[in-house]
Every structure is written in C-alpha cells, then in structure tokens.
Protein backbone atom coordinates (compact mmCIF):
# COMPACT_ATOMS: atom_id res chain seq x y z
CA MET A 1 105.22 101.41 93.69
CA ALA A 2 102.28 103.80 92.68
CA ASP A 3 101.88 105.42 89.10
CA PRO A 4 102.82 109.07 90.06
CA ALA A 5 100.27 110.41 87.92
CA PHE A 6 97.83 108.49 89.96
CA PRO A 7 98.73 108.80 93.72
CA THR A 8 95.99 106.81 94.96
CA ARG A 9 95.03 104.92 92.01
CA GLN A 10 96.80 101.99 92.51
CA TYR A 11 96.42 101.89 96.35
CA PRO A 12 99.42 101.92 98.51
CA TYR A 13 100.48 99.08 100.47
CA ARG A 14 101.90 100.88 103.62
CA HIS A 15 102.28 104.51 104.76
CA PRO A 16 105.89 105.74 103.15
CA ASP A 17 108.47 105.51 105.58
CA PRO A 18 111.56 107.03 103.82
CA THR A 19 113.97 105.47 106.57
CA ALA A 20 112.30 101.88 105.88
CA GLY A 21 114.23 101.49 102.35
CA PRO A 22 111.86 99.41 99.52
CA ASP A 23 108.83 97.89 100.77
CA PRO A 24 109.11 94.27 99.68
CA VAL A 25 105.30 93.86 99.72
CA ALA A 26 104.75 96.55 96.80
CA THR A 27 107.38 95.32 94.50
CA ALA A 28 107.53 92.01 95.05
CA PRO A 29 106.21 89.72 92.13
CA LEU A 30 102.87 87.54 92.70
CA ALA A 31 102.54 84.30 91.26
CA ALA A 32 100.45 84.77 87.66
CA GLY A 33 97.39 83.24 86.78
CA VAL A 34 96.41 83.42 90.79
CA LEU A 35 93.84 85.80 92.06
CA HIS A 36 95.60 87.29 95.23
CA ARG A 37 93.35 89.16 97.82
CA PHE A 38 94.68 92.01 99.84
CA VAL A 39 91.94 93.98 101.52
CA VAL A 40 94.00 96.95 103.50
CA GLY A 41 94.19 97.12 106.90
CA VAL A 42 92.71 93.29 107.19
CA ASP A 43 95.25 91.55 105.30
CA PRO A 44 98.98 92.14 106.45
CA ALA A 45 100.11 91.52 102.82
CA PRO A 46 98.38 90.07 99.24
CA ARG A 47 97.90 86.17 99.28
CA PRO A 48 96.13 83.60 97.31
CA ALA A 49 92.51 83.46 97.73
CA THR A 50 91.26 80.43 98.93
CA ALA A 51 88.76 77.78 97.14
CA GLU A 52 85.96 78.86 99.00
CA GLU A 53 86.92 82.80 98.82
CA MET A 54 86.94 82.57 95.17
CA ALA A 55 83.44 80.40 95.45
CA ALA A 56 81.89 83.62 96.63
CA LEU A 57 82.72 85.85 94.23
CA GLN A 58 79.86 85.90 91.90
CA ASP A 59 80.91 88.96 89.90
CA PRO A 60 81.44 89.57 86.93
CA LEU A 61 85.32 89.72 86.89
CA ALA A 62 85.13 87.13 89.26
CA ALA A 63 83.58 84.92 86.26
CA LEU A 64 86.14 84.78 84.46
CA LEU A 65 89.29 84.65 86.56
CA ARG A 66 87.69 81.21 87.75
CA GLN A 67 87.97 80.18 84.57
CA GLY A 68 91.53 80.72 84.98
CA ARG A 69 91.53 83.84 82.24
CA PHE A 70 93.64 86.92 83.41
CA PRO A 71 93.59 89.39 81.01
CA LEU A 72 96.26 91.88 82.05
CA THR A 73 95.57 95.18 79.61
CA LEU A 74 92.25 96.61 79.02
CA ARG A 75 92.14 95.67 75.52
CA ALA A 76 92.77 91.92 76.58
CA LEU A 77 90.25 92.45 79.75
CA LEU A 78 87.60 94.03 77.10
CA ALA A 79 88.20 90.99 74.48
CA ALA A 80 87.64 88.00 76.67
CA LEU A 81 83.79 90.17 77.96
CA ASP A 82 83.29 89.86 74.04
CA GLU A 83 83.98 86.22 73.83
CA PRO A 84 80.96 84.51 72.73
CA PRO A 85 78.42 84.04 74.60
CA PRO A 86 79.12 87.57 76.01
CA ALA A 87 77.31 88.10 79.25
CA LEU A 88 77.65 91.85 79.17
CA PRO A 89 77.38 92.69 75.56
CA VAL A 90 76.23 96.50 76.08
CA GLN A 91 79.72 98.92 76.16
CA ASP A 92 79.79 102.66 76.90
CA GLN A 93 82.66 104.41 77.17
CA TYR A 94 83.47 107.68 79.17
CA MET A 95 86.15 110.14 79.70
CA VAL A 96 87.60 112.53 82.27
CA GLY A 97 90.48 114.47 83.15
CA ASP A 98 91.29 117.16 85.63
CA GLY A 99 93.59 118.96 83.02
CA GLY A 100 91.33 117.74 79.54
CA GLN A 101 90.37 120.99 79.16
CA LEU A 102 94.34 122.12 78.88
CA PRO A 103 95.07 122.17 75.59
CA TRP A 104 98.81 120.07 74.36
CA THR A 105 101.49 122.40 73.73
CA PRO A 106 105.26 121.95 73.74
CA GLU A 107 105.47 123.89 77.24
CA THR A 108 102.61 121.75 78.45
CA ALA A 109 103.56 118.69 77.30
CA GLY A 110 104.94 117.65 80.95
CA VAL A 111 101.60 118.14 82.94
CA SER A 112 100.00 115.19 83.66
CA ARG A 113 96.43 115.88 82.13
CA GLN A 114 95.04 112.81 84.55
CA LEU A 115 92.89 111.74 81.46
CA ARG A 116 91.37 108.57 82.56
CA VAL A 117 89.05 106.22 80.31
CA VAL A 118 85.77 104.23 82.23
CA VAL A 119 84.27 101.46 80.42
CA THR A 120 81.10 99.89 81.17
CA ARG A 121 79.42 96.98 80.73
CA SER A 122 75.73 95.89 81.00
CA ARG A 123 73.39 92.76 80.51
CA SER A 124 71.24 94.87 78.03
CA ALA A 125 70.67 98.40 76.48
CA GLY A 126 69.34 100.74 78.80
CA ALA A 127 70.11 97.50 82.27
CA GLU A 128 72.27 98.75 85.22
CA ALA A 129 76.40 98.43 84.68
CA ASP A 130 76.98 95.34 86.19
CA LEU A 131 81.85 95.92 85.46
CA LEU A 132 83.09 99.18 85.35
CA VAL A 133 86.83 100.04 84.37
CA SER A 134 88.76 102.60 85.44
CA THR A 135 92.07 103.14 83.04
CA SER A 136 94.30 105.34 81.43
CA THR A 137 94.97 105.83 77.99
CA GLU A 138 97.37 103.01 77.94
CA PHE A 139 95.03 100.39 76.59
CA ASP A 140 97.80 98.15 75.78
CA SER A 141 99.78 98.37 79.35
CA GLU A 142 100.72 95.40 82.01
CA THR A 143 101.73 98.45 84.21
CA ALA A 144 99.33 101.23 83.93
CA PHE A 145 96.91 101.17 86.44
CA LEU A 146 93.67 99.22 85.74
CA GLN A 147 90.96 98.79 88.29
CA VAL A 148 87.83 97.08 87.82
CA ILE A 149 84.40 97.38 89.71
CA GLY A 150 82.05 94.35 89.52
CA TRP A 151 78.52 94.07 91.17
CA ASP A 152 77.93 90.83 93.35
CA GLY A 153 74.11 90.30 93.09
CA PRO A 154 73.75 87.08 95.58
CA ALA A 155 75.67 89.41 97.31
CA GLY A 156 74.28 92.20 96.84
CA VAL A 157 77.67 94.69 96.94
CA PHE A 158 80.43 96.12 94.88
CA ARG A 159 83.60 94.09 94.36
CA TYR A 160 86.55 96.11 94.15
CA TYR A 161 89.46 94.61 91.73
CA GLU A 162 92.93 96.06 90.80
CA ARG A 163 95.88 94.47 88.46
CA ARG A 164 98.64 94.68 90.15
CA LEU A 165 102.56 93.01 89.38
CA GLY A 166 101.56 91.12 87.08
CA THR A 167 98.15 89.13 88.34
CA TRP A 168 94.52 90.44 89.92
CA ILE A 169 93.59 91.77 93.24
CA VAL A 170 90.55 91.16 95.02
CA ALA A 171 90.75 94.52 97.27
CA GLY A 172 87.15 94.24 99.26
CA ASP A 173 83.62 94.75 98.45
CA SER A 174 81.17 97.66 99.87
CA PHE A 175 81.13 96.54 103.36
CA ASP A 176 84.66 96.41 103.65
CA ALA A 177 84.20 100.29 103.15
CA LEU A 178 82.06 100.96 106.05
CA ALA A 179 83.85 99.34 109.22
CA ALA A 180 87.18 99.22 110.80
CA PRO A 181 89.82 98.51 109.92
CA SER A 182 89.53 98.95 106.04
CA ARG A 183 87.81 102.24 106.20
CA GLY A 184 89.09 104.80 104.35
CA ARG A 185 92.07 102.08 103.19
CA GLY A 186 92.97 100.56 99.87
CA PRO A 187 90.10 101.80 96.97
CA PHE A 188 87.70 102.56 99.97
CA ASP A 189 90.09 106.24 100.45
CA SER A 190 87.63 107.83 97.83
CA HIS A 191 85.04 104.78 97.42
CA VAL A 192 84.37 106.05 101.61
CA ASN A 193 80.96 104.21 101.56
CA GLY A 194 81.86 101.26 99.19
CA SER A 195 79.73 102.50 95.78
CA LEU A 196 80.12 104.29 92.46
CA VAL A 197 81.91 107.63 92.66
CA MET A 198 81.20 110.60 90.20
CA LYS A 199 82.62 113.67 92.19
CA GLU A 200 81.50 116.04 89.39
CA LEU A 201 77.95 114.63 89.26
CA LYS A 202 75.81 117.79 88.45
CA LEU A 203 75.86 119.67 85.17
CA PRO A 204 78.41 121.27 83.93
CA TRP A 205 80.15 118.03 85.08
CA SER A 206 83.47 119.69 85.48
CA HIS A 207 86.67 117.61 84.41
CA TRP A 208 84.33 115.20 82.23
CA HIS A 209 83.85 114.68 78.59
CA SER A 210 80.08 116.21 78.68
CA GLN A 211 77.88 118.03 76.46
CA ASN A 212 78.73 121.00 78.42
CA ALA A 213 82.57 120.73 77.66
CA ALA A 214 84.35 118.56 75.37
CA ILE A 215 87.53 116.79 76.28
CA ARG A 216 88.66 117.88 72.37
CA PRO A 217 91.52 116.57 70.48
CA ASP A 218 94.08 119.05 71.24
CA VAL A 219 94.31 118.14 74.35
CA LEU A 220 96.69 114.90 72.97
CA ALA A 221 100.02 114.87 71.94
CA PRO A 222 100.29 115.63 68.19
CA GLY A 223 100.30 111.66 66.69
CA ASP A 224 98.72 110.25 69.31
CA PRO A 225 97.38 107.10 68.08
CA PHE A 226 94.77 107.21 70.89
CA ARG A 227 92.66 110.08 68.48
CA ASP A 228 91.59 107.36 66.24
CA ASP A 229 91.21 104.55 68.72
CA PRO A 230 87.19 103.73 68.71
CA ILE A 231 87.05 104.27 72.92
CA TRP A 232 87.82 107.93 71.96
CA THR A 233 85.68 108.47 68.56
CA SER A 234 82.69 106.67 70.66
CA ARG A 235 83.15 108.46 74.00
CA ARG A 236 79.85 109.61 75.32
CA GLY A 237 78.76 112.37 77.96
CA GLY A 238 79.15 113.14 81.85
CA GLU A 239 75.67 113.62 81.52
CA SER A 240 75.08 110.31 80.34
CA PHE A 241 77.25 108.50 83.24
CA GLU A 242 75.33 110.42 85.48
CA VAL A 243 71.73 109.62 84.65
CA GLU A 244 72.85 105.85 83.30
CA VAL A 245 75.59 104.61 85.59
CA ALA A 246 76.58 107.03 88.94
CA ARG A 247 72.81 107.59 90.13
CA PRO A 248 71.34 104.54 89.20
CA GLY A 249 74.58 102.30 91.06
CA LEU A 250 74.25 104.71 94.87
CA PHE A 251 70.53 103.26 94.57
CA ARG A 252 71.64 100.13 93.62
CA TRP A 253 74.17 99.71 96.74
CA THR A 254 71.59 101.61 98.95
CA THR A 255 68.87 99.69 99.04
CA SER A 256 70.76 96.26 99.37
CA ARG A 257 72.47 97.95 102.17
CA MET A 258 68.99 98.73 103.91
CA ASN A 259 67.47 95.30 102.90
CA GLN A 260 70.84 93.90 104.58
CA VAL A 261 71.06 95.65 107.99
CA ILE A 262 67.75 96.04 108.60
CA ASP A 263 65.67 92.29 109.47
CA ARG A 264 61.96 91.46 108.83
CA SER A 265 61.16 92.54 112.67
CA GLY A 266 62.70 95.96 111.74
CA ALA A 267 65.52 95.99 113.93
CA VAL A 268 68.91 97.94 112.16
CA ALA A 269 71.97 96.95 112.40
CA ARG A 270 74.97 99.02 112.08
CA LEU A 271 73.11 101.92 112.93
CA PRO A 272 76.14 104.21 113.36
CA GLU A 273 77.39 103.53 109.79
CA LEU A 274 74.24 104.88 108.88
CA MET A 275 73.60 107.75 110.96
CA ARG A 276 77.24 108.89 109.87
CA GLN A 277 75.75 109.54 106.42
CA VAL A 278 73.23 111.96 108.17
CA LEU A 279 75.99 113.97 110.72
CA VAL A 280 79.22 113.85 109.08
CA THR A 281 80.70 114.94 105.86
CA THR A 282 82.02 111.24 104.76
CA THR A 283 82.38 112.36 101.74
CA VAL A 284 81.67 115.11 98.63
CA ASN A 285 80.61 115.98 95.39
CA LEU A 286 82.01 119.14 93.31
CA VAL A 287 79.66 121.60 91.81
CA SER A 288 80.30 125.02 89.79
CA THR A 289 78.28 127.82 88.18
CA GLY A 290 77.82 126.84 84.45
CA THR A 291 79.94 130.11 83.75
CA GLU A 292 83.33 129.65 82.09
CA ALA A 293 85.72 131.08 84.67
CA HIS A 294 87.13 133.26 81.94
CA LEU A 295 83.80 134.82 80.94
CA VAL A 296 83.19 135.51 84.94
CA GLU A 297 83.98 139.41 83.87
CA GLN A 298 81.99 140.15 81.21
CA ARG A 299 78.49 138.66 83.16
CA SER A 300 76.64 141.08 85.03
CA ALA A 301 76.29 138.41 87.66
CA LEU A 302 77.44 135.35 88.27
CA GLU A 303 74.55 132.47 89.69
CA ILE A 304 76.54 130.95 92.72
CA PRO A 305 75.55 126.92 93.99
CA THR A 306 72.09 127.48 96.51
CA THR A 307 73.95 123.63 97.75
CA PHE A 308 77.21 125.84 98.84
CA PHE A 309 75.03 127.56 101.39
CA LEU A 310 73.08 125.08 102.82
CA ASP A 311 71.77 121.31 102.41
CA LEU A 312 69.53 122.07 99.91
CA ASP A 313 69.20 119.01 98.47
CA ALA A 314 68.42 117.25 101.25
CA PHE A 315 65.74 120.07 102.53
CA LEU A 316 63.39 120.07 99.71
CA GLY A 317 63.75 116.47 98.85
CA PRO A 318 63.66 113.57 101.53
CA LEU A 319 62.68 115.78 104.08
CA GLY A 320 60.03 117.37 102.19
CA LEU A 321 59.97 121.11 103.05
CA LEU A 322 58.22 124.01 101.25
CA PHE A 323 60.27 126.81 100.13
CA GLU A 324 61.32 128.76 97.23
CA PRO A 325 65.02 129.41 97.76
CA PRO A 326 66.19 132.49 96.09
CA ILE A 327 68.90 132.27 93.48
CA LEU A 328 72.10 133.64 94.87
CA ARG A 329 74.04 135.69 92.84
CA VAL A 330 77.18 137.91 92.83
CA GLY A 331 78.27 140.61 90.90
CA GLY A 332 80.84 139.02 87.85
CA PRO A 333 83.45 142.26 87.77
CA ALA A 334 83.86 141.70 91.61
CA TYR A 335 84.14 138.35 91.23
CA ALA A 336 87.09 138.66 89.10
CA ALA A 337 88.28 141.22 91.19
CA ALA A 338 88.48 139.09 94.38
CA ARG A 339 89.58 136.04 92.50
CA THR A 340 92.75 138.14 91.05
CA ALA A 341 92.82 139.60 94.45
CA LEU A 342 93.63 135.79 96.49
CA GLY A 343 96.11 134.98 93.68
CA LEU A 344 93.70 131.68 92.58
CA ARG A 345 95.34 129.59 90.42
CA LEU A 346 96.05 126.30 89.04
CA ASP A 347 98.83 123.70 89.80
CA ASP A 348 100.11 120.70 89.19
CA GLY A 349 102.98 120.64 91.76
CA ALA A 350 105.01 120.08 89.33
CA GLY A 351 106.33 123.15 87.60
CA PHE A 352 103.04 124.06 86.18
CA THR A 353 100.80 126.93 87.06
CA GLN A 354 97.96 129.06 85.29
CA PRO A 355 96.22 132.00 87.21
CA GLY A 356 92.16 131.55 87.74
CA GLU A 357 90.19 128.72 88.28
CA THR A 358 89.13 125.44 86.57
CA LEU A 359 87.21 125.64 83.55
CA PHE A 360 84.11 126.71 85.40
CA ALA A 361 83.90 129.37 87.84
CA PHE A 362 83.46 128.98 91.37
CA LEU A 363 83.92 124.81 91.35
CA VAL A 364 83.28 123.73 95.25
CA PRO A 365 82.60 121.36 97.15
CA GLU A 366 78.74 120.07 98.46
CA ARG A 367 77.05 117.80 100.62
CA ALA A 368 77.42 114.39 98.42
CA LEU A 369 74.79 112.59 96.66
CA GLU A 370 75.81 109.39 98.11
CA ASP A 371 74.84 110.87 101.61
CA GLN A 372 71.61 112.00 100.43
CA VAL A 373 70.92 108.93 98.92
CA VAL A 374 71.32 107.18 102.70
CA VAL A 375 69.03 110.06 104.20
CA GLU A 376 66.41 109.21 102.13
CA ALA A 377 66.49 105.48 102.40
CA LEU A 378 66.35 106.25 106.16
CA VAL A 379 63.41 108.13 105.99
CA GLN A 380 61.40 105.74 103.67
CA ARG A 381 62.46 102.62 105.99
CA GLN A 382 61.02 104.66 108.92
CA VAL A 383 64.79 104.40 110.28
CA LEU A 384 64.57 108.03 110.78
CA SER A 385 61.96 110.45 111.00
CA SER A 386 61.83 113.70 108.70
CA ARG A 387 61.10 115.58 111.63
CA LEU A 388 64.28 114.17 113.63
CA ALA A 389 66.40 114.72 110.47
CA THR A 390 65.29 118.23 109.96
CA CYS A 391 66.38 119.05 113.23
CA LEU A 392 69.57 117.16 113.24
CA LEU A 393 70.67 118.69 109.63
CA MET A 394 69.49 122.46 110.80
CA VAL A 395 72.35 122.15 113.11
CA ASP A 396 75.00 124.27 111.89
CA PHE A 397 73.00 124.43 108.75
CA PRO A 398 75.15 127.52 107.13
CA ASN A 399 78.07 125.21 106.79
CA PRO A 400 76.51 122.10 105.24
CA VAL A 401 79.92 120.30 104.57
CA TYR A 402 82.64 120.00 106.72
CA SER A 403 80.93 120.97 110.03
CA ARG A 404 82.40 119.64 113.46
CA ARG A 405 79.14 121.01 115.59
CA ARG A 406 77.15 118.46 113.61
CA ALA A 407 79.45 115.62 113.46
CA SER A 408 79.86 115.82 117.11
CA LEU A 409 76.35 115.08 117.49
CA MET A 410 77.49 111.02 116.39
CA ALA A 411 78.34 110.44 120.05
CA TYR A 412 74.82 110.26 120.79
CA VAL A 413 73.84 107.71 118.28
CA PRO A 414 72.44 104.19 119.90
CA GLU A 415 73.87 100.64 118.62
CA THR A 416 70.81 100.00 116.88
CA ILE A 417 67.03 101.20 116.79
CA ARG A 418 63.97 99.57 115.44
CA ALA A 419 62.21 100.33 112.20
CA GLY A 420 59.17 101.59 111.65
CA ASP A 421 55.74 104.09 113.09
CA GLY A 422 57.71 106.61 111.11
CA GLY A 423 60.98 106.37 113.04
CA THR A 424 59.29 107.24 116.44
CA ALA A 425 61.72 105.02 118.05
CA LEU A 426 64.99 106.87 117.13
CA ASP A 427 63.39 110.34 117.90
CA GLN A 428 62.40 108.97 121.79
CA VAL A 429 65.83 107.76 122.05
CA LEU A 430 68.23 109.79 119.97
CA PRO A 431 67.47 113.66 121.29
CA LYS A 432 67.11 112.47 125.31
CA ALA A 433 70.51 111.25 124.79
CA ILE A 434 71.36 114.45 123.61
CA GLU A 435 69.54 116.10 126.40
CA ALA A 436 71.38 114.34 129.01
CA GLY A 437 74.86 115.09 127.06
CA ALA A 438 74.04 119.00 126.61
CA THR A 439 76.91 121.02 129.06
CA ALA A 440 77.05 124.50 127.03
CA ALA A 441 74.75 126.70 126.46
CA ASP A 442 75.91 127.33 123.42
CA GLY A 443 77.06 123.60 122.01
CA PRO A 444 75.67 121.66 119.25
CA GLU A 445 73.30 120.13 121.88
CA ALA A 446 71.74 123.18 123.29
CA GLU A 447 71.68 123.83 119.30
CA PHE A 448 69.77 120.51 118.36
CA LEU A 449 67.54 120.95 121.75
CA GLY A 450 66.38 124.78 120.27
CA ARG A 451 65.26 123.22 117.37
CA TRP A 452 64.07 119.90 118.36
CA GLU A 453 61.68 122.07 121.20
CA GLY A 454 58.05 122.63 119.14
CA SER A 455 59.15 120.52 116.55
CA ASP A 456 55.73 118.44 116.75
CA GLU A 457 53.53 121.79 115.84
CA PRO A 458 52.07 121.20 112.64
CA ASP A 459 53.65 124.59 111.29
CA PHE A 460 57.29 123.51 112.08
CA PRO A 461 58.38 122.33 108.28
CA VAL A 462 56.57 126.26 107.29
CA ARG A 463 58.81 128.02 109.75
CA VAL A 464 61.92 125.74 109.23
CA GLY A 465 61.36 126.68 105.45
CA GLN A 466 60.35 130.55 106.49
CA ARG A 467 64.23 130.82 108.35
CA LEU A 468 66.25 129.01 105.76
CA VAL A 469 64.83 131.90 103.30
CA GLY A 470 65.59 134.11 105.55
CA PHE A 471 69.12 133.12 105.77
CA LEU A 472 69.69 132.79 102.37
CA ALA A 473 67.90 136.54 102.07
CA ALA A 474 71.02 137.61 104.28
CA CYS A 475 73.64 136.25 102.02
CA GLN A 476 72.20 137.76 99.52
CA ALA A 477 72.55 140.94 101.44
CA ARG A 478 76.04 140.06 102.39
CA LEU A 479 77.25 139.26 98.35
CA ASP A 480 76.02 142.71 97.56
CA GLY A 481 77.79 144.24 100.17
CA PRO A 482 81.67 145.35 99.16
CA GLU A 483 83.43 142.55 100.54
CA GLY A 484 80.63 139.86 99.81
CA ALA A 485 83.21 138.71 97.23
CA ALA A 486 85.90 138.07 98.67
CA ASP A 487 83.86 136.47 101.50
CA LEU A 488 82.30 134.05 99.79
CA LEU A 489 85.85 133.24 97.97
CA LYS A 490 87.57 132.96 101.24
CA LEU A 491 85.06 130.63 102.45
CA ALA A 492 84.95 128.66 98.95
CA GLN A 493 89.15 128.53 99.36
CA GLY A 494 88.86 127.35 102.69
CA ARG A 495 86.24 124.41 101.62
CA ARG A 496 88.46 123.68 98.80
CA ARG A 497 91.46 123.08 101.15
CA ARG A 498 89.70 121.06 103.17
CA PHE A 499 89.04 118.81 100.40
CA ARG A 500 92.45 118.63 99.41
CA ARG A 501 93.40 117.17 102.66
CA SER A 502 90.91 114.25 102.03
CA THR A 503 91.89 111.00 99.85
CA LEU A 504 89.10 111.96 97.71
CA ALA A 505 91.57 114.82 96.44
CA GLU A 506 93.58 112.62 94.19
CA PHE A 507 94.85 115.01 91.53
CA ALA A 508 96.30 118.13 92.13
CA LEU A 509 94.52 120.41 89.38
CA THR A 510 91.20 119.35 90.68
CA VAL A 511 90.27 122.68 92.48
CA PRO A 512 92.05 126.22 92.54
CA ARG A 513 94.64 127.06 94.90
CA GLY A 514 95.43 130.16 96.61
CA PRO A 515 98.91 131.30 99.11
CA ASP A 516 96.94 132.08 101.93
CA ASP A 517 94.53 128.93 101.83
CA ASP A 518 96.11 127.49 105.16
CA LEU A 519 93.93 130.35 106.74
CA TYR A 520 90.63 130.40 105.55
CA GLU A 521 90.22 126.41 106.06
CA ALA A 522 88.45 127.13 109.56
CA LEU A 523 86.26 129.77 107.97
CA ARG A 524 82.49 129.29 108.97
CA LEU A 525 79.19 130.68 107.53
CA HIS A 526 76.92 132.03 109.90
CA GLU A 527 72.83 132.65 109.62
CA ASP A 528 73.45 136.24 109.38
CA GLY A 529 74.88 135.92 106.07
CA SER A 530 78.25 136.84 107.58
CA VAL A 531 81.64 134.56 107.40
CA SER A 532 84.52 134.32 110.21
C-alpha cells in the first residue's frame, strides 16, 4: 500500500474499493533483480520488461539496471552511482517539507512534516541534472518511497521509476504523461506534463529549505541521526534548485518535445496537447508574498503577487506587451483581521491544527511555469502568433487559473496545423472555428471574437496593456475598500480549495484551509475588481 504519509508518492495501482478486499497487484511480491514495467492505465499489472524494452531505456538508472544492479535504498543507489568511473560524478541535495517550519515538540511529535530529500546527479559542475532522486529521510529503508527521474538523451524524454516491492518499476516517460489512458495516472498525477515539478518555484520558495527560510534542525526529533548526515549538512537552497534544476529541466523537455512533434515540413502533430497548456490550467505553481505570516499585522501594507490577478508572466514575457503593472497592496491589519474572521488554519487531517497560514503569507496558485514555457515555445516555433495567444489569454483574464470559460475554447482547436509565417495558419483556422461555434452573446466565444476584432491594428498591444493596467487599478481600488481584504482572501481560499481537490495537492499542510472554503470555490474575479 502507499505510504500514508505520502499518499501519492507511491502511486496507487487502482482506486481503493472498500468492498474489494486486499489488492493483490499492490501487495504481491515482484521478482527481485528484474525491472518491471507498469504504466498505469496502459498495463493491467506490473510485468517484467522485455529485452527490447530494456534496450530502449537509455537513462542513467537503466544503465545500472541493465548490469543487473538493483540498489534498493538511497545509500545503495548513490554508492552504485559513485563506483568508478562515475558517469554522473556531481551530486547536489535539497530539502523540502510542507511542515518543514514546524519545530519538533513532544506535542507535535506525531505530525507528519512530509520532509523529502531531492538528490541530483550531473555529468559536470553546471551541467543539467540527468538523474533526480526523491525520497524520505530514511536513507537505509527498502520500503520508504524512493523514486527516480532519469533523462534519456536519445529518446529526448524523462523516464520515471519507483523502487517498490523489492525491485524497480519503470512507470512511463514524458510522452506517457500527455496522452490517454496514462494521463494523470501513476507518477503523472503530479508530473502532469511529463516534466520536473517544483510547485513553489519563485522567491521565497515556500516549503523549501532556502535562503529565505531554512529547514532548521529543530524540526527533527532530538537525537535524530539525520542531523549529522552529510546530506543534511550539505543541503543546498531552493533558490539553486529553481535556477539550476527546475527551470532548465522544463526548457529541456519542452525543446525536445517541440523537436519531436514538429516535422521538417512544419506539420505540427499532437496540437491539442500543446494548446491544452495555453487554454487549460493543467497544473499550477504556488506563489506567496515575501512577508512571514506572523508579521502581517505589523505591516502597514502587504504586497500581493500580481500573478494572482492576471497572467502577468505571459503578457510581459513571450507575448511582449509593454506596460508597467502597478504593485498591488492590501493593508496588513485588514488582511490579518480577514484571515481571523475566515478561520484560516493549518490542518494535517490527523489531529494537528494551528491558526493562521503557512510561513509566508498569501500562498496561492498561479499559472504554472511549464504552461508558460509551452506558450513561449509555440510562439517561437511560429505555431501560435503572439496576437492569437494574447486574444485567447484575454478571455476571462481576471482568472488566470481554473477558468472554465477559457478552457472551453479547446473544443475548437484543430488536430494539426502547419507552423511558419508567424503562425498565420492557426490565425486563419481557429478564429473561424470559434466564430462558427458562437451561440451566446456573453459566451467565451463572443468574448474571444471581441478581442480578435481589431487585433491586427498596430496599436493593439498598447490597447491591451492599457486595459490590463486599468484592471489592476480597479483591483487596487477594491483592495482599499472596507471589504477588500475579505474578498481577496475568499477568492484565494476558493482557488486553494480547487488546488486541494487536484492530484497536485499531495500533502495536507501545503496551503491553509477554512471552514467555508467550499462556498468560495465558485468565486470569480471580474474586470471591475469585484468578486462574485
């Protein structure tokens, strides 16, 4: 069965059925020293990999397994990688824990802090990580979760492995994450687009040991041997993982993916999979203020991340709009009062509760970097024009995540298109399909068509920028009002609730919750700054 402290870290082999009795697939021992393949949704059960399948695996872990070496603990795996001549001699280690800022006391001894260790191995200093290991702090355990992602250069994909039931299982590759029936299943419940995951990607890197907030020794029980372990004493910060591992990994996979789905003639295969990352919230990152939550009441004003209000990174990045977004602020005392009134708390679901928020105030979902990277790649490869991308993302733009209106436009995306000439082929096809499907005057189709009309005029980017600045000014006016802080937090709780219902939410302590979150999930932000 899956480790109860890490419910999705060891992927379930089927959805639990309380009437079905023990699951023989999840508990039956597997042949030791044999690589098994189990792509959930494709394979009915784990099975030994064929010789052809083994030969096709060209990542660093597969190189060990082909030699008949099956290390079952983290220490054994690292020792095998260290044997001369090591192919990946450079090692770095990082720590993350959703309860990583909760000091150990006798009263909190039973709280699962979800401490995880990430170890990376590279060919040389400064090179991209070719192998990543995720595990708990039980480095000598053969049962604690132990997962590996390896970069397969010849295939141009990440491959996903788990040590389970006494051997190693290959759970699929990056392309398995994108298509049914394996999408969203197995490791792809969190690696939803086949790439690396770092949810708390930006400063202050909430939950990560970082330059802004160390995971200190006092989170460990007295006498915990991990305090003296070299992995603990030499752990690096989340700021380094972002710059050296997460972002390069996202670009590496996206570049490889584009090279494989766009042929030499410019024909684009699997276009809906690509456009899904333009129109749909496939995943999110979590962003917060830089202010620790316990200090909020002492601040005259709290700076709120602009990406909570609109898709700022896309508009100012690959879409190239030129405007100066104002910094949005809410009064610190008003924010603190609203937080108390809403009854926000951390709750591990097992008896531990603590009033308030995570270490940093206002930790909320924002548009995921991996979706942003795909938008940028589509524009660069001339599949999608910046003009069309802007008009699509302007549909329901005050709700940059979880927008059903914007996602509904996926129905009009063609199966394939030809890249080139600035994306004019899709410019000709997609707006016509949306126009043909428009029925309601207030529907998302009509909203898109209103944006599209006049988008070929030279001042279009300026007009869009002015509209976005006006929207942010309206949001600031609402924040300054008597209900501004309360509306802001209700909207945030609704988006947090939506996040908690997704498979991305692996741990109970990731975001705060409140007693009325279910009521707030349907809230939307409007262009006049109001919430309803």
